Full PDB file with SEQRES, HELIX, SHEET, SSBOND, CRYST1, ORIGX, SCALE, CONECT and MASTER records, all heavy atoms in Angstrom:
SEQRES   1 A   34  GLY LYS LEU PRO GLY ARG ASP PRO SER GLN GLY ALA VAL          
SEQRES   2 A   34  LEU PHE LEU ALA HIS TRP ASP HIS PHE GLY GLU CYS ALA          
SEQRES   3 A   34  ALA ALA GLY ALA PRO ASP ARG ILE                              
HELIX    1 AA1 PRO A    8  GLN A   10  5                                   3    
CRYST1    1.000    1.000    1.000  90.00  90.00  90.00 P 1           1          
ORIGX1      1.000000  0.000000  0.000000        0.00000                         
ORIGX2      0.000000  1.000000  0.000000        0.00000                         
ORIGX3      0.000000  0.000000  1.000000        0.00000                         
SCALE1      1.000000  0.000000  0.000000        0.00000                         
SCALE2      0.000000  1.000000  0.000000        0.00000                         
SCALE3      0.000000  0.000000  1.000000        0.00000                         
ATOM      1  N   GLY A   1       0.874  -1.175   0.039  1.00  0.00           N  
ATOM      2  CA  GLY A   1      -0.014   0.015  -0.027  1.00  0.00           C  
ATOM      3  C   GLY A   1       0.856   1.244   0.010  1.00  0.00           C  
ATOM      4  O   GLY A   1       2.102   1.159   0.216  1.00  0.00           O  
ATOM      5  N   LYS A   2       0.258   2.373  -0.194  1.00  0.00           N  
ATOM      6  CA  LYS A   2       1.048   3.650  -0.287  1.00  0.00           C  
ATOM      7  C   LYS A   2       0.209   4.813   0.280  1.00  0.00           C  
ATOM      8  O   LYS A   2      -0.919   4.896  -0.052  1.00  0.00           O  
ATOM      9  CB  LYS A   2       1.450   3.811  -1.711  1.00  0.00           C  
ATOM     10  CG  LYS A   2       2.164   5.079  -1.995  1.00  0.00           C  
ATOM     11  CD  LYS A   2       2.691   5.218  -3.466  1.00  0.00           C  
ATOM     12  CE  LYS A   2       1.484   5.403  -4.498  1.00  0.00           C  
ATOM     13  NZ  LYS A   2       1.934   5.585  -5.825  1.00  0.00           N  
ATOM     14  N   LEU A   3       0.884   5.709   0.902  1.00  0.00           N  
ATOM     15  CA  LEU A   3       0.322   7.086   1.188  1.00  0.00           C  
ATOM     16  C   LEU A   3       1.073   7.992   0.234  1.00  0.00           C  
ATOM     17  O   LEU A   3       2.253   8.231   0.233  1.00  0.00           O  
ATOM     18  CB  LEU A   3       0.710   7.498   2.623  1.00  0.00           C  
ATOM     19  CG  LEU A   3      -0.243   7.016   3.669  1.00  0.00           C  
ATOM     20  CD1 LEU A   3       0.309   7.423   5.046  1.00  0.00           C  
ATOM     21  CD2 LEU A   3      -1.649   7.433   3.523  1.00  0.00           C  
ATOM     22  N   PRO A   4       0.236   8.570  -0.727  1.00  0.00           N  
ATOM     23  CA  PRO A   4       0.907   9.419  -1.856  1.00  0.00           C  
ATOM     24  C   PRO A   4       1.489  10.687  -1.145  1.00  0.00           C  
ATOM     25  O   PRO A   4       0.774  11.241  -0.312  1.00  0.00           O  
ATOM     26  CB  PRO A   4      -0.126   9.727  -2.748  1.00  0.00           C  
ATOM     27  CG  PRO A   4      -1.161   8.680  -2.515  1.00  0.00           C  
ATOM     28  CD  PRO A   4      -1.168   8.374  -1.199  1.00  0.00           C  
ATOM     29  N   GLY A   5       2.665  11.100  -1.555  1.00  0.00           N  
ATOM     30  CA  GLY A   5       3.214  12.401  -1.078  1.00  0.00           C  
ATOM     31  C   GLY A   5       3.051  13.420  -2.107  1.00  0.00           C  
ATOM     32  O   GLY A   5       2.470  13.312  -3.154  1.00  0.00           O  
ATOM     33  N   ARG A   6       3.275  14.691  -1.638  1.00  0.00           N  
ATOM     34  CA  ARG A   6       3.073  15.868  -2.407  1.00  0.00           C  
ATOM     35  C   ARG A   6       4.115  15.907  -3.639  1.00  0.00           C  
ATOM     36  O   ARG A   6       3.804  16.412  -4.666  1.00  0.00           O  
ATOM     37  CB  ARG A   6       3.340  17.138  -1.541  1.00  0.00           C  
ATOM     38  CG  ARG A   6       2.127  17.562  -0.831  1.00  0.00           C  
ATOM     39  CD  ARG A   6       2.403  18.942  -0.214  1.00  0.00           C  
ATOM     40  NE  ARG A   6       3.458  18.988   0.735  1.00  0.00           N  
ATOM     41  CZ  ARG A   6       3.303  18.892   2.091  1.00  0.00           C  
ATOM     42  NH1 ARG A   6       2.102  18.779   2.544  1.00  0.00           N  
ATOM     43  NH2 ARG A   6       4.422  18.910   2.851  1.00  0.00           N  
ATOM     44  N   ASP A   7       5.333  15.341  -3.470  1.00  0.00           N  
ATOM     45  CA  ASP A   7       6.346  15.457  -4.486  1.00  0.00           C  
ATOM     46  C   ASP A   7       7.161  14.166  -4.524  1.00  0.00           C  
ATOM     47  O   ASP A   7       8.225  14.030  -4.021  1.00  0.00           O  
ATOM     48  CB  ASP A   7       7.262  16.581  -4.124  1.00  0.00           C  
ATOM     49  CG  ASP A   7       8.341  16.869  -5.225  1.00  0.00           C  
ATOM     50  OD1 ASP A   7       8.312  16.268  -6.283  1.00  0.00           O  
ATOM     51  OD2 ASP A   7       9.227  17.746  -5.013  1.00  0.00           O  
ATOM     52  N   PRO A   8       6.534  13.111  -5.264  1.00  0.00           N  
ATOM     53  CA  PRO A   8       7.189  11.822  -5.378  1.00  0.00           C  
ATOM     54  C   PRO A   8       8.597  11.924  -5.996  1.00  0.00           C  
ATOM     55  O   PRO A   8       9.341  10.976  -5.811  1.00  0.00           O  
ATOM     56  CB  PRO A   8       6.200  11.067  -6.180  1.00  0.00           C  
ATOM     57  CG  PRO A   8       4.867  11.708  -6.064  1.00  0.00           C  
ATOM     58  CD  PRO A   8       5.207  13.238  -5.868  1.00  0.00           C  
ATOM     59  N   SER A   9       8.860  12.992  -6.717  1.00  0.00           N  
ATOM     60  CA  SER A   9      10.263  13.138  -7.212  1.00  0.00           C  
ATOM     61  C   SER A   9      11.310  13.160  -6.169  1.00  0.00           C  
ATOM     62  O   SER A   9      12.464  12.950  -6.467  1.00  0.00           O  
ATOM     63  CB  SER A   9      10.305  14.292  -8.132  1.00  0.00           C  
ATOM     64  OG  SER A   9      10.331  15.472  -7.287  1.00  0.00           O  
ATOM     65  N   GLN A  10      10.826  13.405  -4.951  1.00  0.00           N  
ATOM     66  CA  GLN A  10      11.829  13.369  -3.838  1.00  0.00           C  
ATOM     67  C   GLN A  10      12.166  12.074  -3.238  1.00  0.00           C  
ATOM     68  O   GLN A  10      12.936  11.934  -2.338  1.00  0.00           O  
ATOM     69  CB  GLN A  10      11.305  14.306  -2.684  1.00  0.00           C  
ATOM     70  CG  GLN A  10      11.054  15.776  -2.935  1.00  0.00           C  
ATOM     71  CD  GLN A  10      12.418  16.526  -3.105  1.00  0.00           C  
ATOM     72  OE1 GLN A  10      13.413  16.109  -2.620  1.00  0.00           O  
ATOM     73  NE2 GLN A  10      12.427  17.676  -3.897  1.00  0.00           N  
ATOM     74  N   GLY A  11      11.590  11.046  -3.863  1.00  0.00           N  
ATOM     75  CA  GLY A  11      11.904   9.711  -3.456  1.00  0.00           C  
ATOM     76  C   GLY A  11      10.814   9.088  -2.515  1.00  0.00           C  
ATOM     77  O   GLY A  11       9.707   9.647  -2.536  1.00  0.00           O  
ATOM     78  N   ALA A  12      11.060   8.067  -1.779  1.00  0.00           N  
ATOM     79  CA  ALA A  12      10.001   7.417  -1.085  1.00  0.00           C  
ATOM     80  C   ALA A  12      10.663   6.782   0.206  1.00  0.00           C  
ATOM     81  O   ALA A  12      11.845   6.559   0.314  1.00  0.00           O  
ATOM     82  CB  ALA A  12       9.286   6.358  -1.898  1.00  0.00           C  
ATOM     83  N   VAL A  13       9.788   6.532   1.172  1.00  0.00           N  
ATOM     84  CA  VAL A  13      10.097   5.782   2.399  1.00  0.00           C  
ATOM     85  C   VAL A  13       9.351   4.550   2.449  1.00  0.00           C  
ATOM     86  O   VAL A  13       8.193   4.407   1.999  1.00  0.00           O  
ATOM     87  CB  VAL A  13       9.883   6.715   3.705  1.00  0.00           C  
ATOM     88  CG1 VAL A  13      10.110   5.860   4.935  1.00  0.00           C  
ATOM     89  CG2 VAL A  13      10.528   7.925   3.631  1.00  0.00           C  
ATOM     90  N   LEU A  14      10.042   3.420   2.915  1.00  0.00           N  
ATOM     91  CA  LEU A  14       9.354   2.109   2.925  1.00  0.00           C  
ATOM     92  C   LEU A  14       9.224   1.546   4.330  1.00  0.00           C  
ATOM     93  O   LEU A  14      10.376   1.659   5.067  1.00  0.00           O  
ATOM     94  CB  LEU A  14      10.169   1.110   2.097  1.00  0.00           C  
ATOM     95  CG  LEU A  14       9.676  -0.382   2.187  1.00  0.00           C  
ATOM     96  CD1 LEU A  14       8.301  -0.547   1.604  1.00  0.00           C  
ATOM     97  CD2 LEU A  14      10.620  -1.256   1.363  1.00  0.00           C  
ATOM     98  N   PHE A  15       7.970   1.134   4.793  1.00  0.00           N  
ATOM     99  CA  PHE A  15       7.899   0.407   6.043  1.00  0.00           C  
ATOM    100  C   PHE A  15       7.435  -0.960   5.640  1.00  0.00           C  
ATOM    101  O   PHE A  15       6.639  -1.196   4.776  1.00  0.00           O  
ATOM    102  CB  PHE A  15       6.847   1.131   6.989  1.00  0.00           C  
ATOM    103  CG  PHE A  15       7.263   2.311   7.597  1.00  0.00           C  
ATOM    104  CD1 PHE A  15       6.992   3.561   7.023  1.00  0.00           C  
ATOM    105  CD2 PHE A  15       7.968   2.331   8.763  1.00  0.00           C  
ATOM    106  CE1 PHE A  15       7.340   4.751   7.510  1.00  0.00           C  
ATOM    107  CE2 PHE A  15       8.330   3.623   9.364  1.00  0.00           C  
ATOM    108  CZ  PHE A  15       8.038   4.710   8.711  1.00  0.00           C  
ATOM    109  N   LEU A  16       8.081  -1.984   6.332  1.00  0.00           N  
ATOM    110  CA  LEU A  16       7.666  -3.347   5.986  1.00  0.00           C  
ATOM    111  C   LEU A  16       7.681  -4.283   7.187  1.00  0.00           C  
ATOM    112  O   LEU A  16       8.340  -3.994   8.152  1.00  0.00           O  
ATOM    113  CB  LEU A  16       8.579  -3.975   4.937  1.00  0.00           C  
ATOM    114  CG  LEU A  16      10.015  -4.265   5.308  1.00  0.00           C  
ATOM    115  CD1 LEU A  16      10.654  -5.267   4.386  1.00  0.00           C  
ATOM    116  CD2 LEU A  16      10.892  -2.920   5.110  1.00  0.00           C  
ATOM    117  N   ALA A  17       6.797  -5.300   7.149  1.00  0.00           N  
ATOM    118  CA  ALA A  17       6.740  -6.402   8.185  1.00  0.00           C  
ATOM    119  C   ALA A  17       6.238  -7.633   7.514  1.00  0.00           C  
ATOM    120  O   ALA A  17       5.382  -7.599   6.643  1.00  0.00           O  
ATOM    121  CB  ALA A  17       5.835  -5.975   9.250  1.00  0.00           C  
ATOM    122  N   HIS A  18       6.762  -8.742   7.934  1.00  0.00           N  
ATOM    123  CA  HIS A  18       6.264  -9.961   7.230  1.00  0.00           C  
ATOM    124  C   HIS A  18       5.033 -10.453   7.898  1.00  0.00           C  
ATOM    125  O   HIS A  18       4.895 -10.506   9.139  1.00  0.00           O  
ATOM    126  CB  HIS A  18       7.415 -11.006   7.200  1.00  0.00           C  
ATOM    127  CG  HIS A  18       7.609 -11.699   8.566  1.00  0.00           C  
ATOM    128  ND1 HIS A  18       7.014 -12.904   8.953  1.00  0.00           N  
ATOM    129  CD2 HIS A  18       8.495 -11.424   9.606  1.00  0.00           C  
ATOM    130  CE1 HIS A  18       7.426 -13.267  10.192  1.00  0.00           C  
ATOM    131  NE2 HIS A  18       8.332 -12.437  10.532  1.00  0.00           N  
ATOM    132  N   TRP A  19       4.048 -10.984   7.043  1.00  0.00           N  
ATOM    133  CA  TRP A  19       2.869 -11.496   7.610  1.00  0.00           C  
ATOM    134  C   TRP A  19       2.876 -12.988   7.831  1.00  0.00           C  
ATOM    135  O   TRP A  19       1.951 -13.530   8.498  1.00  0.00           O  
ATOM    136  CB  TRP A  19       1.713 -11.097   6.587  1.00  0.00           C  
ATOM    137  CG  TRP A  19       1.676 -11.655   5.249  1.00  0.00           C  
ATOM    138  CD1 TRP A  19       2.212 -10.995   4.104  1.00  0.00           C  
ATOM    139  CD2 TRP A  19       1.496 -13.008   4.849  1.00  0.00           C  
ATOM    140  NE1 TRP A  19       2.093 -11.861   3.032  1.00  0.00           N  
ATOM    141  CE2 TRP A  19       1.679 -13.105   3.494  1.00  0.00           C  
ATOM    142  CE3 TRP A  19       0.929 -14.162   5.552  1.00  0.00           C  
ATOM    143  CZ2 TRP A  19       1.609 -14.177   2.669  1.00  0.00           C  
ATOM    144  CZ3 TRP A  19       0.759 -15.280   4.781  1.00  0.00           C  
ATOM    145  CH2 TRP A  19       0.979 -15.346   3.380  1.00  0.00           C  
ATOM    146  N   ASP A  20       3.737 -13.665   7.170  1.00  0.00           N  
ATOM    147  CA  ASP A  20       3.715 -15.114   7.065  1.00  0.00           C  
ATOM    148  C   ASP A  20       4.165 -15.741   8.398  1.00  0.00           C  
ATOM    149  O   ASP A  20       4.917 -15.175   9.156  1.00  0.00           O  
ATOM    150  CB  ASP A  20       4.453 -15.654   6.011  1.00  0.00           C  
ATOM    151  CG  ASP A  20       6.058 -15.422   6.123  1.00  0.00           C  
ATOM    152  OD1 ASP A  20       6.452 -14.179   6.324  1.00  0.00           O  
ATOM    153  OD2 ASP A  20       6.827 -16.335   6.130  1.00  0.00           O  
ATOM    154  N   HIS A  21       3.754 -17.001   8.629  1.00  0.00           N  
ATOM    155  CA  HIS A  21       4.313 -17.876   9.581  1.00  0.00           C  
ATOM    156  C   HIS A  21       4.206 -19.316   9.160  1.00  0.00           C  
ATOM    157  O   HIS A  21       4.242 -19.496   8.014  1.00  0.00           O  
ATOM    158  CB  HIS A  21       3.473 -17.653  11.012  1.00  0.00           C  
ATOM    159  CG  HIS A  21       4.293 -17.902  12.224  1.00  0.00           C  
ATOM    160  ND1 HIS A  21       5.442 -17.378  12.445  1.00  0.00           N  
ATOM    161  CD2 HIS A  21       4.046 -18.831  13.182  1.00  0.00           C  
ATOM    162  CE1 HIS A  21       5.954 -17.803  13.640  1.00  0.00           C  
ATOM    163  NE2 HIS A  21       5.179 -18.659  14.074  1.00  0.00           N  
ATOM    164  N   PHE A  22       4.069 -20.274  10.098  1.00  0.00           N  
ATOM    165  CA  PHE A  22       4.388 -21.672   9.760  1.00  0.00           C  
ATOM    166  C   PHE A  22       3.160 -22.485   9.674  1.00  0.00           C  
ATOM    167  O   PHE A  22       3.256 -23.728   9.370  1.00  0.00           O  
ATOM    168  CB  PHE A  22       5.325 -22.344  10.747  1.00  0.00           C  
ATOM    169  CG  PHE A  22       6.745 -21.745  10.662  1.00  0.00           C  
ATOM    170  CD1 PHE A  22       7.242 -20.980  11.632  1.00  0.00           C  
ATOM    171  CD2 PHE A  22       7.546 -21.976   9.538  1.00  0.00           C  
ATOM    172  CE1 PHE A  22       8.543 -20.488  11.652  1.00  0.00           C  
ATOM    173  CE2 PHE A  22       8.834 -21.366   9.510  1.00  0.00           C  
ATOM    174  CZ  PHE A  22       9.326 -20.759  10.646  1.00  0.00           C  
ATOM    175  N   GLY A  23       2.007 -21.909   9.922  1.00  0.00           N  
ATOM    176  CA  GLY A  23       0.824 -22.772   9.740  1.00  0.00           C  
ATOM    177  C   GLY A  23       0.736 -23.817  11.003  1.00  0.00           C  
ATOM    178  O   GLY A  23       1.004 -23.492  12.120  1.00  0.00           O  
ATOM    179  N   GLU A  24       0.341 -25.016  10.545  1.00  0.00           N  
ATOM    180  CA  GLU A  24       0.368 -26.150  11.677  1.00  0.00           C  
ATOM    181  C   GLU A  24       1.720 -26.726  11.671  1.00  0.00           C  
ATOM    182  O   GLU A  24       2.138 -27.366  10.742  1.00  0.00           O  
ATOM    183  CB  GLU A  24      -0.780 -27.129  11.376  1.00  0.00           C  
ATOM    184  CG  GLU A  24      -2.183 -26.590  11.331  1.00  0.00           C  
ATOM    185  CD  GLU A  24      -3.213 -27.479  10.972  1.00  0.00           C  
ATOM    186  OE1 GLU A  24      -2.861 -28.737  10.733  1.00  0.00           O  
ATOM    187  OE2 GLU A  24      -4.496 -27.129  10.916  1.00  0.00           O  
ATOM    188  N   CYS A  25       2.397 -26.505  12.870  1.00  0.00           N  
ATOM    189  CA  CYS A  25       3.783 -26.815  12.836  1.00  0.00           C  
ATOM    190  C   CYS A  25       4.107 -27.940  13.907  1.00  0.00           C  
ATOM    191  O   CYS A  25       5.213 -28.456  13.826  1.00  0.00           O  
ATOM    192  CB  CYS A  25       4.656 -25.554  13.170  1.00  0.00           C  
ATOM    193  SG  CYS A  25       4.237 -24.944  14.833  1.00  0.00           S  
ATOM    194  N   ALA A  26       3.221 -28.247  14.790  1.00  0.00           N  
ATOM    195  CA  ALA A  26       3.546 -29.271  15.795  1.00  0.00           C  
ATOM    196  C   ALA A  26       3.231 -30.638  15.251  1.00  0.00           C  
ATOM    197  O   ALA A  26       2.537 -30.811  14.224  1.00  0.00           O  
ATOM    198  CB  ALA A  26       2.671 -28.985  16.996  1.00  0.00           C  
ATOM    199  N   ALA A  27       3.814 -31.637  15.886  1.00  0.00           N  
ATOM    200  CA  ALA A  27       3.646 -33.079  15.442  1.00  0.00           C  
ATOM    201  C   ALA A  27       2.078 -33.409  15.538  1.00  0.00           C  
ATOM    202  O   ALA A  27       1.418 -32.925  16.336  1.00  0.00           O  
ATOM    203  CB  ALA A  27       4.504 -33.995  16.300  1.00  0.00           C  
ATOM    204  N   ALA A  28       1.777 -34.369  14.681  1.00  0.00           N  
ATOM    205  CA  ALA A  28       0.401 -34.886  14.726  1.00  0.00           C  
ATOM    206  C   ALA A  28       0.016 -35.412  16.049  1.00  0.00           C  
ATOM    207  O   ALA A  28       0.908 -36.041  16.668  1.00  0.00           O  
ATOM    208  CB  ALA A  28       0.126 -35.923  13.639  1.00  0.00           C  
ATOM    209  N   GLY A  29      -1.183 -35.098  16.611  1.00  0.00           N  
ATOM    210  CA  GLY A  29      -1.533 -35.596  17.884  1.00  0.00           C  
ATOM    211  C   GLY A  29      -1.190 -34.647  18.964  1.00  0.00           C  
ATOM    212  O   GLY A  29      -1.632 -34.943  20.216  1.00  0.00           O  
ATOM    213  N   ALA A  30      -0.450 -33.632  18.772  1.00  0.00           N  
ATOM    214  CA  ALA A  30      -0.156 -32.620  19.863  1.00  0.00           C  
ATOM    215  C   ALA A  30      -1.410 -31.913  20.159  1.00  0.00           C  
ATOM    216  O   ALA A  30      -2.202 -31.618  19.260  1.00  0.00           O  
ATOM    217  CB  ALA A  30       0.933 -31.720  19.312  1.00  0.00           C  
ATOM    218  N   PRO A  31      -1.552 -31.492  21.451  1.00  0.00           N  
ATOM    219  CA  PRO A  31      -2.718 -30.700  21.829  1.00  0.00           C  
ATOM    220  C   PRO A  31      -2.977 -29.470  21.138  1.00  0.00           C  
ATOM    221  O   PRO A  31      -4.084 -28.973  20.911  1.00  0.00           O  
ATOM    222  CB  PRO A  31      -2.620 -30.573  23.325  1.00  0.00           C  
ATOM    223  CG  PRO A  31      -1.092 -30.752  23.505  1.00  0.00           C  
ATOM    224  CD  PRO A  31      -0.620 -31.662  22.606  1.00  0.00           C  
ATOM    225  N   ASP A  32      -1.887 -28.757  20.799  1.00  0.00           N  
ATOM    226  CA  ASP A  32      -2.031 -27.558  19.989  1.00  0.00           C  
ATOM    227  C   ASP A  32      -1.082 -27.568  18.839  1.00  0.00           C  
ATOM    228  O   ASP A  32       0.172 -27.550  19.064  1.00  0.00           O  
ATOM    229  CB  ASP A  32      -1.640 -26.311  20.919  1.00  0.00           C  
ATOM    230  CG  ASP A  32      -1.842 -24.983  20.236  1.00  0.00           C  
ATOM    231  OD1 ASP A  32      -2.238 -24.863  19.012  1.00  0.00           O  
ATOM    232  OD2 ASP A  32      -1.496 -23.978  20.882  1.00  0.00           O  
ATOM    233  N   ARG A  33      -1.414 -27.735  17.580  1.00  0.00           N  
ATOM    234  CA  ARG A  33      -0.698 -27.827  16.476  1.00  0.00           C  
ATOM    235  C   ARG A  33      -0.282 -26.571  15.655  1.00  0.00           C  
ATOM    236  O   ARG A  33       0.633 -26.489  14.901  1.00  0.00           O  
ATOM    237  CB  ARG A  33      -1.222 -28.834  15.515  1.00  0.00           C  
ATOM    238  CG  ARG A  33      -1.461 -30.264  15.995  1.00  0.00           C  
ATOM    239  CD  ARG A  33      -1.711 -31.212  14.786  1.00  0.00           C  
ATOM    240  NE  ARG A  33      -0.517 -31.132  13.919  1.00  0.00           N  
ATOM    241  CZ  ARG A  33      -0.654 -31.524  12.685  1.00  0.00           C  
ATOM    242  NH1 ARG A  33      -1.745 -32.013  12.143  1.00  0.00           N  
ATOM    243  NH2 ARG A  33       0.390 -31.546  11.821  1.00  0.00           N  
ATOM    244  N   ILE A  34      -1.078 -25.502  15.994  1.00  0.00           N  
ATOM    245  CA  ILE A  34      -0.985 -24.270  15.200  1.00  0.00           C  
ATOM    246  C   ILE A  34       0.040 -23.380  15.835  1.00  0.00           C  
ATOM    247  O   ILE A  34       0.039 -23.029  16.938  1.00  0.00           O  
ATOM    248  CB  ILE A  34      -2.320 -23.457  15.128  1.00  0.00           C  
ATOM    249  CG1 ILE A  34      -3.420 -24.415  14.482  1.00  0.00           C  
ATOM    250  CG2 ILE A  34      -2.192 -22.257  14.417  1.00  0.00           C  
ATOM    251  CD1 ILE A  34      -4.838 -23.766  14.515  1.00  0.00           C  
TER     252      ILE A  34                                                      
MASTER        0    0    0    1    0    0    0    6  251    1    0    3          
END                                                                             
């Protein structure tokens, strides 16, 4: 996504964070697998 600036010719700033994780990661039969 983007917040447009007044003067894009001045360049840009980026903020980022990863959304992903491992899903169901524990062994089958574990009380909590997620």
